[in-house]
Amino acid sequence: MIIVLKSQATEKEAKEILTKIESVKLKPLYMPGTERIVLGALGDERVLNGLNLAAHPMVETIKPILSTYKQVSREMQSHDTQVNIGSVSIGAGNFVVIAGPCAVETQEQILQTAELVKKYGAAGLRGGAYKPRTSPYSFQGLEEEGLRLLKQAEDTHNLPAITEIIDPSHVELFEQHVSGFQIGARNMQNFKLLKAVGQSQMPVILKRGMSATIEELLLAAEYIYHEGNKNIIICERGIRTFEKATRNTLDLNAVAYIKMKSHLPVIVDPSHGTGIRDLVPPMAKAAVACGADGIIVEVHPEPQKALSDGQQTLDENEFSQLMFELKPFIEAAGKVLVS
């Protein structure tokens, strides 16, 4: 439920109501605005009704939250959320490009990639240290050594690094080495992992599962938010359909719909969304046009030698051209490219 207080309500009176809500084992939410204070109560609405808060002299209106995803919905918060990854702010008018290899392979490779993506305007570095792969015979990543190399690249080039976490027990380890978690498509409904990153305050890029509905994606975000971590970035990375021409079907409908229904920032992964290098630039531009707050793309100094996903990875020339071509689209969308 959302409880809107009258304009003359004080912080003290708001906290008295929050104490009442908490006393019946509901989750209280305090959301002071510029004009008035808004409160929230999550839990059994029948219990809340028993408090008879509508009769409180400082309560103006009470209305139910109709979305199944409560805290990440625009019903709960109408303005856009900005999420900081290191010193980089995503959302609310900013457009951010995060770029890097599918996997961290060597020290030379990750340092070289970090240097080149920053050179052309990327604001964040991506790279997999732990790689959950479909085949047990595929490259599984350098694991902790990969984290150490990401930390070195981040410090050397002042570029916040993001990498995929696959084990809830790794949260503390990741916090020591990188600036953000990524929850991959295969783990979007790994609820123990969602809760674990939710108990951290480090930002999370939450990727849509390959067969997940938009509601399931937003409910996964709700798990993280419910645990106390509000620093969530939704990522559309394509879904599995009957179409075989591309690796996935990049669902840009989802971007516009999520922006309408949720206050969280949304980015797009055109690399995994298409699986085809030549399709990355046009789909990146389309992502800007439909309202995305950023893109995450795969870049490697020598894609033909990449240990994973080389076919969808841009080289230096292709990435520099993409960044050049993106700028007028970002300006036309009324956003600012953050680098």
C-alpha atoms as a PDB file:
ATOM      1  CA  MET A   1       0.000   0.000   0.000  1.00  0.00           C
ATOM      2  CA  ILE A   2       1.055   3.604  -0.620  1.00  0.00           C
ATOM      3  CA  ILE A   3       0.190   6.107   2.088  1.00  0.00           C
ATOM      4  CA  VAL A   4       0.317   9.763   1.050  1.00  0.00           C
ATOM      5  CA  LEU A   5       0.521  12.190   3.960  1.00  0.00           C
ATOM      6  CA  LYS A   6      -0.887  15.703   4.029  1.00  0.00           C
ATOM      7  CA  SER A   7       1.465  18.545   3.118  1.00  0.00           C
ATOM      8  CA  GLN A   8       1.722  19.728   6.724  1.00  0.00           C
ATOM      9  CA  ALA A   9       2.728  16.305   8.079  1.00  0.00           C
ATOM     10  CA  THR A  10       6.043  16.292   9.937  1.00  0.00           C
ATOM     11  CA  GLU A  11       8.828  13.713   9.910  1.00  0.00           C
ATOM     12  CA  LYS A  12       7.929  12.843  13.517  1.00  0.00           C
ATOM     13  CA  GLU A  13       4.316  12.075  12.578  1.00  0.00           C
ATOM     14  CA  ALA A  14       5.496  10.009   9.614  1.00  0.00           C
ATOM     15  CA  LYS A  15       7.746   7.939  11.850  1.00  0.00           C
ATOM     16  CA  GLU A  16       4.886   7.320  14.284  1.00  0.00           C
ATOM     17  CA  ILE A  17       2.882   5.791  11.415  1.00  0.00           C
ATOM     18  CA  LEU A  18       5.888   3.753  10.289  1.00  0.00           C
ATOM     19  CA  THR A  19       6.239   2.376  13.826  1.00  0.00           C
ATOM     20  CA  LYS A  20       2.593   1.261  13.726  1.00  0.00           C
ATOM     21  CA  ILE A  21       3.153  -0.477  10.397  1.00  0.00           C
ATOM     22  CA  GLU A  22       6.265  -2.239  11.694  1.00  0.00           C
ATOM     23  CA  SER A  23       4.455  -3.308  14.876  1.00  0.00           C
ATOM     24  CA  VAL A  24       2.194  -5.632  12.853  1.00  0.00           C
ATOM     25  CA  LYS A  25       5.162  -7.191  11.031  1.00  0.00           C
ATOM     26  CA  LEU A  26       4.704  -5.311   7.753  1.00  0.00           C
ATOM     27  CA  LYS A  27       7.682  -3.765   5.960  1.00  0.00           C
ATOM     28  CA  PRO A  28       7.583   0.047   6.304  1.00  0.00           C
ATOM     29  CA  LEU A  29       8.983   2.346   3.608  1.00  0.00           C
ATOM     30  CA  TYR A  30       9.807   6.029   4.066  1.00  0.00           C
ATOM     31  CA  MET A  31       9.877   8.166   0.892  1.00  0.00           C
ATOM     32  CA  PRO A  32      10.090  11.893   1.640  1.00  0.00           C
ATOM     33  CA  GLY A  33       9.320  14.050  -1.404  1.00  0.00           C
ATOM     34  CA  THR A  34       9.754  17.725  -2.178  1.00  0.00           C
ATOM     35  CA  GLU A  35       6.090  18.537  -1.502  1.00  0.00           C
ATOM     36  CA  ARG A  36       4.922  15.821   0.870  1.00  0.00           C
ATOM     37  CA  ILE A  37       5.928  12.606   2.566  1.00  0.00           C
ATOM     38  CA  VAL A  38       4.911   9.267   1.060  1.00  0.00           C
ATOM     39  CA  LEU A  39       5.005   6.043   3.070  1.00  0.00           C
ATOM     40  CA  GLY A  40       4.755   2.446   1.962  1.00  0.00           C
ATOM     41  CA  ALA A  41       3.699  -0.771   3.642  1.00  0.00           C
ATOM     42  CA  LEU A  42       4.516  -4.179   2.164  1.00  0.00           C
ATOM     43  CA  GLY A  43       2.743  -7.300   3.332  1.00  0.00           C
ATOM     44  CA  ASP A  44      -0.770  -8.550   4.003  1.00  0.00           C
ATOM     45  CA  GLU A  45      -3.187  -5.733   3.134  1.00  0.00           C
ATOM     46  CA  ARG A  46      -5.774  -7.151   5.553  1.00  0.00           C
ATOM     47  CA  VAL A  47      -3.347  -6.576   8.417  1.00  0.00           C
ATOM     48  CA  LEU A  48      -2.723  -3.013   7.251  1.00  0.00           C
ATOM     49  CA  ASN A  49      -6.453  -2.323   7.028  1.00  0.00           C
ATOM     50  CA  GLY A  50      -6.728  -3.345  10.667  1.00  0.00           C
ATOM     51  CA  LEU A  51      -4.583  -0.333  11.628  1.00  0.00           C
ATOM     52  CA  ASN A  52      -7.267   2.004  10.244  1.00  0.00           C
ATOM     53  CA  LEU A  53      -4.643   4.486   9.077  1.00  0.00           C
ATOM     54  CA  ALA A  54      -7.185   6.236   6.851  1.00  0.00           C
ATOM     55  CA  ALA A  55      -8.562   7.806  10.029  1.00  0.00           C
ATOM     56  CA  HIS A  56      -5.200   9.297  10.995  1.00  0.00           C
ATOM     57  CA  PRO A  57      -5.409  13.118  10.814  1.00  0.00           C
ATOM     58  CA  MET A  58      -2.192  13.372   8.766  1.00  0.00           C
ATOM     59  CA  VAL A  59      -3.089  10.723   6.149  1.00  0.00           C
ATOM     60  CA  GLU A  60      -4.444  12.132   2.893  1.00  0.00           C
ATOM     61  CA  THR A  61      -4.891   8.971   0.781  1.00  0.00           C
ATOM     62  CA  ILE A  62      -4.146   5.254   0.852  1.00  0.00           C
ATOM     63  CA  LYS A  63      -4.003   3.234  -2.346  1.00  0.00           C
ATOM     64  CA  PRO A  64      -2.948  -0.328  -3.162  1.00  0.00           C
ATOM     65  CA  ILE A  65       0.098  -1.165  -5.272  1.00  0.00           C
ATOM     66  CA  LEU A  66      -1.368  -3.238  -8.073  1.00  0.00           C
ATOM     67  CA  SER A  67       1.915  -4.478  -9.572  1.00  0.00           C
ATOM     68  CA  THR A  68       3.226  -7.823  -8.381  1.00  0.00           C
ATOM     69  CA  TYR A  69       6.640  -6.152  -8.266  1.00  0.00           C
ATOM     70  CA  LYS A  70       6.058  -3.514  -5.592  1.00  0.00           C
ATOM     71  CA  GLN A  71       9.221  -1.588  -4.823  1.00  0.00           C
ATOM     72  CA  VAL A  72      10.663  -1.429  -8.340  1.00  0.00           C
ATOM     73  CA  SER A  73       7.391  -0.199  -9.852  1.00  0.00           C
ATOM     74  CA  ARG A  74       6.501   3.342 -10.842  1.00  0.00           C
ATOM     75  CA  GLU A  75       3.485   3.069  -8.569  1.00  0.00           C
ATOM     76  CA  MET A  76       5.908   3.183  -5.658  1.00  0.00           C
ATOM     77  CA  GLN A  77       8.301   5.740  -7.193  1.00  0.00           C
ATOM     78  CA  SER A  78       7.383   7.932 -10.143  1.00  0.00           C
ATOM     79  CA  HIS A  79      10.805   9.476 -10.826  1.00  0.00           C
ATOM     80  CA  ASP A  80      13.695   7.625 -12.493  1.00  0.00           C
ATOM     81  CA  THR A  81      16.356   6.038 -10.307  1.00  0.00           C
ATOM     82  CA  GLN A  82      20.020   6.784 -10.960  1.00  0.00           C
ATOM     83  CA  VAL A  83      22.503   4.036 -10.158  1.00  0.00           C
ATOM     84  CA  ASN A  84      26.195   4.749  -9.665  1.00  0.00           C
ATOM     85  CA  ILE A  85      28.830   2.239 -10.742  1.00  0.00           C
ATOM     86  CA  GLY A  86      31.957   3.738  -9.287  1.00  0.00           C
ATOM     87  CA  SER A  87      31.799   7.398 -10.298  1.00  0.00           C
ATOM     88  CA  VAL A  88      29.582   6.683 -13.317  1.00  0.00           C
ATOM     89  CA  SER A  89      25.886   7.506 -13.012  1.00  0.00           C
ATOM     90  CA  ILE A  90      23.376   5.502 -15.071  1.00  0.00           C
ATOM     91  CA  GLY A  91      19.792   6.606 -15.684  1.00  0.00           C
ATOM     92  CA  ALA A  92      17.760   9.837 -15.448  1.00  0.00           C
ATOM     93  CA  GLY A  93      19.091  11.335 -18.691  1.00  0.00           C
ATOM     94  CA  ASN A  94      22.552   9.771 -18.762  1.00  0.00           C
ATOM     95  CA  PHE A  95      23.578   7.241 -21.417  1.00  0.00           C
ATOM     96  CA  VAL A  96      26.429   4.879 -20.576  1.00  0.00           C
ATOM     97  CA  VAL A  97      28.437   2.448 -22.702  1.00  0.00           C
ATOM     98  CA  ILE A  98      29.991  -0.530 -20.893  1.00  0.00           C
ATOM     99  CA  ALA A  99      32.404  -2.516 -23.038  1.00  0.00           C
ATOM    100  CA  GLY A 100      34.965  -5.284 -22.832  1.00  0.00           C
ATOM    101  CA  PRO A 101      35.628  -8.918 -23.664  1.00  0.00           C
ATOM    102  CA  CYS A 102      33.312 -11.820 -23.005  1.00  0.00           C
ATOM    103  CA  ALA A 103      36.023 -13.326 -20.787  1.00  0.00           C
ATOM    104  CA  VAL A 104      39.180 -12.158 -19.080  1.00  0.00           C
ATOM    105  CA  GLU A 105      41.900 -14.216 -20.763  1.00  0.00           C
ATOM    106  CA  THR A 106      45.287 -12.670 -19.952  1.00  0.00           C
ATOM    107  CA  GLN A 107      46.708  -9.605 -18.254  1.00  0.00           C
ATOM    108  CA  GLU A 108      47.754  -8.135 -21.603  1.00  0.00           C
ATOM    109  CA  GLN A 109      44.327  -8.734 -23.137  1.00  0.00           C
ATOM    110  CA  ILE A 110      42.247  -7.100 -20.380  1.00  0.00           C
ATOM    111  CA  LEU A 111      44.587  -4.121 -19.934  1.00  0.00           C
ATOM    112  CA  GLN A 112      44.703  -3.508 -23.683  1.00  0.00           C
ATOM    113  CA  THR A 113      40.927  -3.786 -23.971  1.00  0.00           C
ATOM    114  CA  ALA A 114      40.338  -1.428 -21.041  1.00  0.00           C
ATOM    115  CA  GLU A 115      42.641   1.139 -22.644  1.00  0.00           C
ATOM    116  CA  LEU A 116      40.948   0.998 -26.034  1.00  0.00           C
ATOM    117  CA  VAL A 117      37.317   1.103 -24.805  1.00  0.00           C
ATOM    118  CA  LYS A 118      38.074   4.075 -22.567  1.00  0.00           C
ATOM    119  CA  LYS A 119      39.851   5.822 -25.442  1.00  0.00           C
ATOM    120  CA  TYR A 120      36.632   5.846 -27.470  1.00  0.00           C
ATOM    121  CA  GLY A 121      34.264   6.838 -24.670  1.00  0.00           C
ATOM    122  CA  ALA A 122      33.201   3.749 -22.712  1.00  0.00           C
ATOM    123  CA  ALA A 123      32.392   4.521 -19.083  1.00  0.00           C
ATOM    124  CA  GLY A 124      32.646   0.969 -17.749  1.00  0.00           C
ATOM    125  CA  LEU A 125      34.572  -2.244 -18.354  1.00  0.00           C
ATOM    126  CA  ARG A 126      32.928  -5.660 -18.667  1.00  0.00           C
ATOM    127  CA  GLY A 127      34.704  -9.009 -18.591  1.00  0.00           C
ATOM    128  CA  GLY A 128      33.919 -12.471 -17.279  1.00  0.00           C
ATOM    129  CA  ALA A 129      36.107 -13.981 -14.576  1.00  0.00           C
ATOM    130  CA  TYR A 130      33.732 -16.876 -13.809  1.00  0.00           C
ATOM    131  CA  LYS A 131      32.075 -18.126 -16.985  1.00  0.00           C
ATOM    132  CA  PRO A 132      29.001 -20.375 -16.771  1.00  0.00           C
ATOM    133  CA  ARG A 133      29.096 -22.139 -20.137  1.00  0.00           C
ATOM    134  CA  THR A 134      26.609 -24.452 -21.800  1.00  0.00           C
ATOM    135  CA  SER A 135      29.335 -27.002 -22.539  1.00  0.00           C
ATOM    136  CA  PRO A 136      31.625 -28.297 -19.763  1.00  0.00           C
ATOM    137  CA  TYR A 137      34.430 -28.315 -22.362  1.00  0.00           C
ATOM    138  CA  SER A 138      34.242 -24.577 -23.072  1.00  0.00           C
ATOM    139  CA  PHE A 139      36.541 -22.035 -21.402  1.00  0.00           C
ATOM    140  CA  GLN A 140      35.221 -21.497 -17.859  1.00  0.00           C
ATOM    141  CA  GLY A 141      37.193 -18.342 -17.033  1.00  0.00           C
ATOM    142  CA  LEU A 142      40.247 -17.546 -14.903  1.00  0.00           C
ATOM    143  CA  GLU A 143      38.070 -17.260 -11.772  1.00  0.00           C
ATOM    144  CA  GLU A 144      39.829 -15.476  -8.887  1.00  0.00           C
ATOM    145  CA  GLU A 145      42.824 -14.636 -11.055  1.00  0.00           C
ATOM    146  CA  GLY A 146      40.393 -13.020 -13.496  1.00  0.00           C
ATOM    147  CA  LEU A 147      39.002 -10.869 -10.688  1.00  0.00           C
ATOM    148  CA  ARG A 148      42.507  -9.757  -9.784  1.00  0.00           C
ATOM    149  CA  LEU A 149      43.178  -8.766 -13.402  1.00  0.00           C
ATOM    150  CA  LEU A 150      39.895  -6.848 -13.597  1.00  0.00           C
ATOM    151  CA  LYS A 151      40.879  -4.950 -10.460  1.00  0.00           C
ATOM    152  CA  GLN A 152      44.222  -4.101 -12.044  1.00  0.00           C
ATOM    153  CA  ALA A 153      42.528  -2.890 -15.242  1.00  0.00           C
ATOM    154  CA  GLU A 154      40.033  -0.829 -13.253  1.00  0.00           C
ATOM    155  CA  ASP A 155      42.750   0.849 -11.195  1.00  0.00           C
ATOM    156  CA  THR A 156      45.105   1.402 -14.137  1.00  0.00           C
ATOM    157  CA  HIS A 157      42.535   3.018 -16.411  1.00  0.00           C
ATOM    158  CA  ASN A 158      40.091   4.435 -13.834  1.00  0.00           C
ATOM    159  CA  LEU A 159      37.299   2.421 -15.435  1.00  0.00           C
ATOM    160  CA  PRO A 160      34.753   0.714 -13.133  1.00  0.00           C
ATOM    161  CA  ALA A 161      34.632  -3.024 -13.814  1.00  0.00           C
ATOM    162  CA  ILE A 162      31.582  -5.292 -13.841  1.00  0.00           C
ATOM    163  CA  THR A 163      31.649  -9.076 -13.909  1.00  0.00           C
ATOM    164  CA  GLU A 164      29.226 -11.957 -13.573  1.00  0.00           C
ATOM    165  CA  ILE A 165      28.741 -13.583 -10.184  1.00  0.00           C
ATOM    166  CA  ILE A 166      27.485 -17.179 -10.107  1.00  0.00           C
ATOM    167  CA  ASP A 167      27.930 -18.202  -6.456  1.00  0.00           C
ATOM    168  CA  PRO A 168      26.306 -16.497  -3.426  1.00  0.00           C
ATOM    169  CA  SER A 169      29.433 -17.214  -1.371  1.00  0.00           C
ATOM    170  CA  HIS A 170      31.510 -14.996  -3.705  1.00  0.00           C
ATOM    171  CA  VAL A 171      29.824 -11.687  -2.805  1.00  0.00           C
ATOM    172  CA  GLU A 172      32.546 -10.515  -0.426  1.00  0.00           C
ATOM    173  CA  LEU A 173      35.303 -11.565  -2.835  1.00  0.00           C
ATOM    174  CA  PHE A 174      33.713  -9.608  -5.681  1.00  0.00           C
ATOM    175  CA  GLU A 175      33.244  -6.540  -3.485  1.00  0.00           C
ATOM    176  CA  GLN A 176      37.021  -6.463  -3.005  1.00  0.00           C
ATOM    177  CA  HIS A 177      37.856  -6.566  -6.726  1.00  0.00           C
ATOM    178  CA  VAL A 178      35.155  -4.974  -8.911  1.00  0.00           C
ATOM    179  CA  SER A 179      32.633  -2.121  -8.889  1.00  0.00           C
ATOM    180  CA  GLY A 180      29.531  -4.049  -9.891  1.00  0.00           C
ATOM    181  CA  PHE A 181      27.889  -7.461 -10.067  1.00  0.00           C
ATOM    182  CA  GLN A 182      26.293  -8.931 -13.140  1.00  0.00           C
ATOM    183  CA  ILE A 183      23.572 -11.556 -12.778  1.00  0.00           C
ATOM    184  CA  GLY A 184      23.610 -13.541 -16.023  1.00  0.00           C
ATOM    185  CA  ALA A 185      20.612 -14.856 -17.932  1.00  0.00           C
ATOM    186  CA  ARG A 186      21.047 -18.377 -16.542  1.00  0.00           C
ATOM    187  CA  ASN A 187      20.930 -17.078 -12.972  1.00  0.00           C
ATOM    188  CA  MET A 188      18.090 -14.572 -13.224  1.00  0.00           C
ATOM    189  CA  GLN A 189      15.933 -16.809 -11.028  1.00  0.00           C
ATOM    190  CA  ASN A 190      18.704 -18.111  -8.771  1.00  0.00           C
ATOM    191  CA  PHE A 191      16.920 -16.744  -5.714  1.00  0.00           C
ATOM    192  CA  LYS A 192      19.732 -17.441  -3.257  1.00  0.00           C
ATOM    193  CA  LEU A 193      22.071 -15.448  -5.475  1.00  0.00           C
ATOM    194  CA  LEU A 194      19.547 -12.614  -5.847  1.00  0.00           C
ATOM    195  CA  LYS A 195      19.182 -12.401  -2.076  1.00  0.00           C
ATOM    196  CA  ALA A 196      22.948 -12.493  -1.557  1.00  0.00           C
ATOM    197  CA  VAL A 197      23.650  -9.556  -3.899  1.00  0.00           C
ATOM    198  CA  GLY A 198      20.615  -7.826  -2.412  1.00  0.00           C
ATOM    199  CA  GLN A 199      22.336  -7.806   0.951  1.00  0.00           C
ATOM    200  CA  SER A 200      25.272  -5.949  -0.614  1.00  0.00           C
ATOM    201  CA  GLN A 201      25.115  -2.307  -1.638  1.00  0.00           C
ATOM    202  CA  MET A 202      27.242  -2.846  -4.742  1.00  0.00           C
ATOM    203  CA  PRO A 203      25.344  -2.151  -7.999  1.00  0.00           C
ATOM    204  CA  VAL A 204      23.847  -5.065  -9.915  1.00  0.00           C
ATOM    205  CA  ILE A 205      23.231  -5.470 -13.633  1.00  0.00           C
ATOM    206  CA  LEU A 206      20.381  -7.970 -13.811  1.00  0.00           C
ATOM    207  CA  LYS A 207      20.115  -9.709 -17.192  1.00  0.00           C
ATOM    208  CA  ARG A 208      16.844 -11.080 -18.469  1.00  0.00           C
ATOM    209  CA  GLY A 209      16.626 -14.860 -18.589  1.00  0.00           C
ATOM    210  CA  MET A 210      16.515 -16.333 -22.077  1.00  0.00           C
ATOM    211  CA  SER A 211      12.923 -17.541 -21.579  1.00  0.00           C
ATOM    212  CA  ALA A 212      11.791 -15.053 -18.930  1.00  0.00           C
ATOM    213  CA  THR A 213       8.770 -12.792 -19.173  1.00  0.00           C
ATOM    214  CA  ILE A 214       9.098  -9.108 -18.330  1.00  0.00           C
ATOM    215  CA  GLU A 215       7.139  -9.671 -15.123  1.00  0.00           C
ATOM    216  CA  GLU A 216       9.527 -12.446 -14.067  1.00  0.00           C
ATOM    217  CA  LEU A 217      12.469 -10.141 -14.764  1.00  0.00           C
ATOM    218  CA  LEU A 218      11.009  -7.358 -12.637  1.00  0.00           C
ATOM    219  CA  LEU A 219      10.162  -9.804  -9.856  1.00  0.00           C
ATOM    220  CA  ALA A 220      13.802 -10.931  -9.895  1.00  0.00           C
ATOM    221  CA  ALA A 221      14.757  -7.268  -9.451  1.00  0.00           C
ATOM    222  CA  GLU A 222      12.227  -7.092  -6.617  1.00  0.00           C
ATOM    223  CA  TYR A 223      14.107  -9.881  -4.789  1.00  0.00           C
ATOM    224  CA  ILE A 224      17.275  -7.774  -4.831  1.00  0.00           C
ATOM    225  CA  TYR A 225      15.465  -4.565  -3.875  1.00  0.00           C
ATOM    226  CA  HIS A 226      13.567  -6.300  -1.068  1.00  0.00           C
ATOM    227  CA  GLU A 227      16.865  -7.304   0.550  1.00  0.00           C
ATOM    228  CA  GLY A 228      17.912  -3.649   0.715  1.00  0.00           C
ATOM    229  CA  ASN A 229      19.999  -3.109  -2.428  1.00  0.00           C
ATOM    230  CA  LYS A 230      18.365  -0.417  -4.564  1.00  0.00           C
ATOM    231  CA  ASN A 231      21.273  -0.158  -7.011  1.00  0.00           C
ATOM    232  CA  ILE A 232      19.781  -2.298  -9.785  1.00  0.00           C
ATOM    233  CA  ILE A 233      20.142  -1.925 -13.554  1.00  0.00           C
ATOM    234  CA  ILE A 234      17.883  -4.048 -15.758  1.00  0.00           C
ATOM    235  CA  CYS A 235      19.480  -5.513 -18.897  1.00  0.00           C
ATOM    236  CA  GLU A 236      17.591  -6.739 -21.958  1.00  0.00           C
ATOM    237  CA  ARG A 237      19.863  -9.283 -23.703  1.00  0.00           C
ATOM    238  CA  GLY A 238      17.504 -11.089 -26.011  1.00  0.00           C
ATOM    239  CA  ILE A 239      15.160 -14.014 -25.507  1.00  0.00           C
ATOM    240  CA  ARG A 240      14.928 -17.460 -27.057  1.00  0.00           C
ATOM    241  CA  THR A 241      12.294 -17.727 -29.781  1.00  0.00           C
ATOM    242  CA  PHE A 242      11.668 -19.986 -32.791  1.00  0.00           C
ATOM    243  CA  GLU A 243      13.926 -17.720 -34.917  1.00  0.00           C
ATOM    244  CA  LYS A 244      17.280 -19.301 -35.785  1.00  0.00           C
ATOM    245  CA  ALA A 245      18.846 -16.529 -37.894  1.00  0.00           C
ATOM    246  CA  THR A 246      20.222 -14.789 -34.799  1.00  0.00           C
ATOM    247  CA  ARG A 247      21.525 -16.106 -31.488  1.00  0.00           C
ATOM    248  CA  ASN A 248      18.563 -14.565 -29.631  1.00  0.00           C
ATOM    249  CA  THR A 249      15.659 -12.263 -30.436  1.00  0.00           C
ATOM    250  CA  LEU A 250      16.483  -8.836 -29.009  1.00  0.00           C
ATOM    251  CA  ASP A 251      13.220  -7.694 -27.425  1.00  0.00           C
ATOM    252  CA  LEU A 252      13.333  -3.898 -27.608  1.00  0.00           C
ATOM    253  CA  ASN A 253       9.608  -3.803 -26.768  1.00  0.00           C
ATOM    254  CA  ALA A 254      10.740  -4.789 -23.292  1.00  0.00           C
ATOM    255  CA  VAL A 255      12.905  -1.683 -22.905  1.00  0.00           C
ATOM    256  CA  ALA A 256      10.055   0.743 -23.561  1.00  0.00           C
ATOM    257  CA  TYR A 257       7.632  -1.313 -21.462  1.00  0.00           C
ATOM    258  CA  ILE A 258       9.979  -1.594 -18.464  1.00  0.00           C
ATOM    259  CA  LYS A 259      10.716   2.145 -18.619  1.00  0.00           C
ATOM    260  CA  MET A 260       6.960   2.710 -18.438  1.00  0.00           C
ATOM    261  CA  LYS A 261       6.379   0.300 -15.535  1.00  0.00           C
ATOM    262  CA  SER A 262       9.570   0.617 -13.458  1.00  0.00           C
ATOM    263  CA  HIS A 263      11.784   3.439 -12.210  1.00  0.00           C
ATOM    264  CA  LEU A 264      14.974   1.376 -12.602  1.00  0.00           C
ATOM    265  CA  PRO A 265      17.484   2.175 -15.378  1.00  0.00           C
ATOM    266  CA  VAL A 266      17.505  -0.187 -18.363  1.00  0.00           C
ATOM    267  CA  ILE A 267      20.434  -1.093 -20.616  1.00  0.00           C
ATOM    268  CA  VAL A 268      20.641  -3.331 -23.696  1.00  0.00           C
ATOM    269  CA  ASP A 269      23.145  -6.015 -24.699  1.00  0.00           C
ATOM    270  CA  PRO A 270      23.138  -6.093 -28.523  1.00  0.00           C
ATOM    271  CA  SER A 271      26.072  -8.529 -28.568  1.00  0.00           C
ATOM    272  CA  HIS A 272      24.200 -11.406 -26.923  1.00  0.00           C
ATOM    273  CA  GLY A 273      20.914 -10.127 -28.309  1.00  0.00           C
ATOM    274  CA  THR A 274      22.015 -10.848 -31.862  1.00  0.00           C
ATOM    275  CA  GLY A 275      25.161 -12.988 -31.690  1.00  0.00           C
ATOM    276  CA  ILE A 276      26.312 -11.390 -34.949  1.00  0.00           C
ATOM    277  CA  ARG A 277      29.009  -8.706 -35.020  1.00  0.00           C
ATOM    278  CA  ASP A 278      27.462  -6.776 -37.944  1.00  0.00           C
ATOM    279  CA  LEU A 279      24.131  -6.481 -36.156  1.00  0.00           C
ATOM    280  CA  VAL A 280      25.554  -4.949 -32.975  1.00  0.00           C
ATOM    281  CA  PRO A 281      25.764  -1.319 -34.248  1.00  0.00           C
ATOM    282  CA  PRO A 282      22.211  -1.072 -35.697  1.00  0.00           C
ATOM    283  CA  MET A 283      20.669  -2.685 -32.601  1.00  0.00           C
ATOM    284  CA  ALA A 284      22.724  -0.420 -30.327  1.00  0.00           C
ATOM    285  CA  LYS A 285      21.245   2.597 -32.134  1.00  0.00           C
ATOM    286  CA  ALA A 286      17.770   1.093 -31.861  1.00  0.00           C
ATOM    287  CA  ALA A 287      18.348   0.668 -28.119  1.00  0.00           C
ATOM    288  CA  VAL A 288      18.978   4.400 -27.793  1.00  0.00           C
ATOM    289  CA  ALA A 289      15.865   5.194 -29.833  1.00  0.00           C
ATOM    290  CA  CYS A 290      13.545   3.079 -27.669  1.00  0.00           C
ATOM    291  CA  GLY A 291      14.670   4.703 -24.425  1.00  0.00           C
ATOM    292  CA  ALA A 292      17.547   2.611 -23.060  1.00  0.00           C
ATOM    293  CA  ASP A 293      19.913   4.221 -20.552  1.00  0.00           C
ATOM    294  CA  GLY A 294      22.976   2.477 -21.953  1.00  0.00           C
ATOM    295  CA  ILE A 295      24.406  -0.520 -23.756  1.00  0.00           C
ATOM    296  CA  ILE A 296      26.836  -3.275 -22.807  1.00  0.00           C
ATOM    297  CA  VAL A 297      28.877  -4.594 -25.730  1.00  0.00           C
ATOM    298  CA  GLU A 298      31.643  -7.114 -26.249  1.00  0.00           C
ATOM    299  CA  VAL A 299      34.983  -5.728 -27.469  1.00  0.00           C
ATOM    300  CA  HIS A 300      38.306  -7.535 -27.901  1.00  0.00           C
ATOM    301  CA  PRO A 301      41.615  -6.410 -29.473  1.00  0.00           C
ATOM    302  CA  GLU A 302      41.573  -9.541 -31.656  1.00  0.00           C
ATOM    303  CA  PRO A 303      38.075 -11.090 -31.776  1.00  0.00           C
ATOM    304  CA  GLN A 304      39.288 -13.926 -34.011  1.00  0.00           C
ATOM    305  CA  LYS A 305      41.477 -15.099 -31.112  1.00  0.00           C
ATOM    306  CA  ALA A 306      38.845 -14.659 -28.372  1.00  0.00           C
ATOM    307  CA  LEU A 307      38.281 -17.736 -26.218  1.00  0.00           C
ATOM    308  CA  SER A 308      34.523 -17.133 -26.227  1.00  0.00           C
ATOM    309  CA  ASP A 309      31.908 -15.243 -28.294  1.00  0.00           C
ATOM    310  CA  GLY A 310      34.352 -13.990 -30.920  1.00  0.00           C
ATOM    311  CA  GLN A 311      31.637 -13.964 -33.599  1.00  0.00           C
ATOM    312  CA  GLN A 312      29.678 -11.227 -31.806  1.00  0.00           C
ATOM    313  CA  THR A 313      32.649  -9.201 -30.565  1.00  0.00           C
ATOM    314  CA  LEU A 314      33.804  -5.867 -32.009  1.00  0.00           C
ATOM    315  CA  ASP A 315      37.436  -4.994 -32.660  1.00  0.00           C
ATOM    316  CA  GLU A 316      38.962  -1.558 -32.047  1.00  0.00           C
ATOM    317  CA  ASN A 317      37.959  -0.050 -35.399  1.00  0.00           C
ATOM    318  CA  GLU A 318      34.403  -1.378 -35.170  1.00  0.00           C
ATOM    319  CA  PHE A 319      34.007  -0.081 -31.610  1.00  0.00           C
ATOM    320  CA  SER A 320      35.350   3.368 -32.448  1.00  0.00           C
ATOM    321  CA  GLN A 321      32.934   3.569 -35.393  1.00  0.00           C
ATOM    322  CA  LEU A 322      30.031   2.476 -33.192  1.00  0.00           C
ATOM    323  CA  MET A 323      30.796   5.190 -30.620  1.00  0.00           C
ATOM    324  CA  PHE A 324      31.024   7.811 -33.395  1.00  0.00           C
ATOM    325  CA  GLU A 325      27.704   6.753 -34.915  1.00  0.00           C
ATOM    326  CA  LEU A 326      25.905   6.529 -31.559  1.00  0.00           C
ATOM    327  CA  LYS A 327      26.445  10.172 -30.577  1.00  0.00           C
ATOM    328  CA  PRO A 328      23.764  11.784 -32.785  1.00  0.00           C
ATOM    329  CA  PHE A 329      21.234   9.156 -31.647  1.00  0.00           C
ATOM    330  CA  ILE A 330      21.998   9.888 -27.994  1.00  0.00           C
ATOM    331  CA  GLU A 331      21.660  13.638 -28.597  1.00  0.00           C
ATOM    332  CA  ALA A 332      18.366  13.144 -30.475  1.00  0.00           C
ATOM    333  CA  ALA A 333      17.044  11.121 -27.533  1.00  0.00           C
ATOM    334  CA  GLY A 334      17.799  14.078 -25.240  1.00  0.00           C
ATOM    335  CA  LYS A 335      20.415  12.163 -23.259  1.00  0.00           C
ATOM    336  CA  VAL A 336      24.031  12.807 -22.350  1.00  0.00           C
ATOM    337  CA  LEU A 337      26.807  10.328 -23.125  1.00  0.00           C
ATOM    338  CA  VAL A 338      28.742   9.760 -19.896  1.00  0.00           C
ATOM    339  CA  SER A 339      32.369   8.713 -20.281  1.00  0.00           C
END
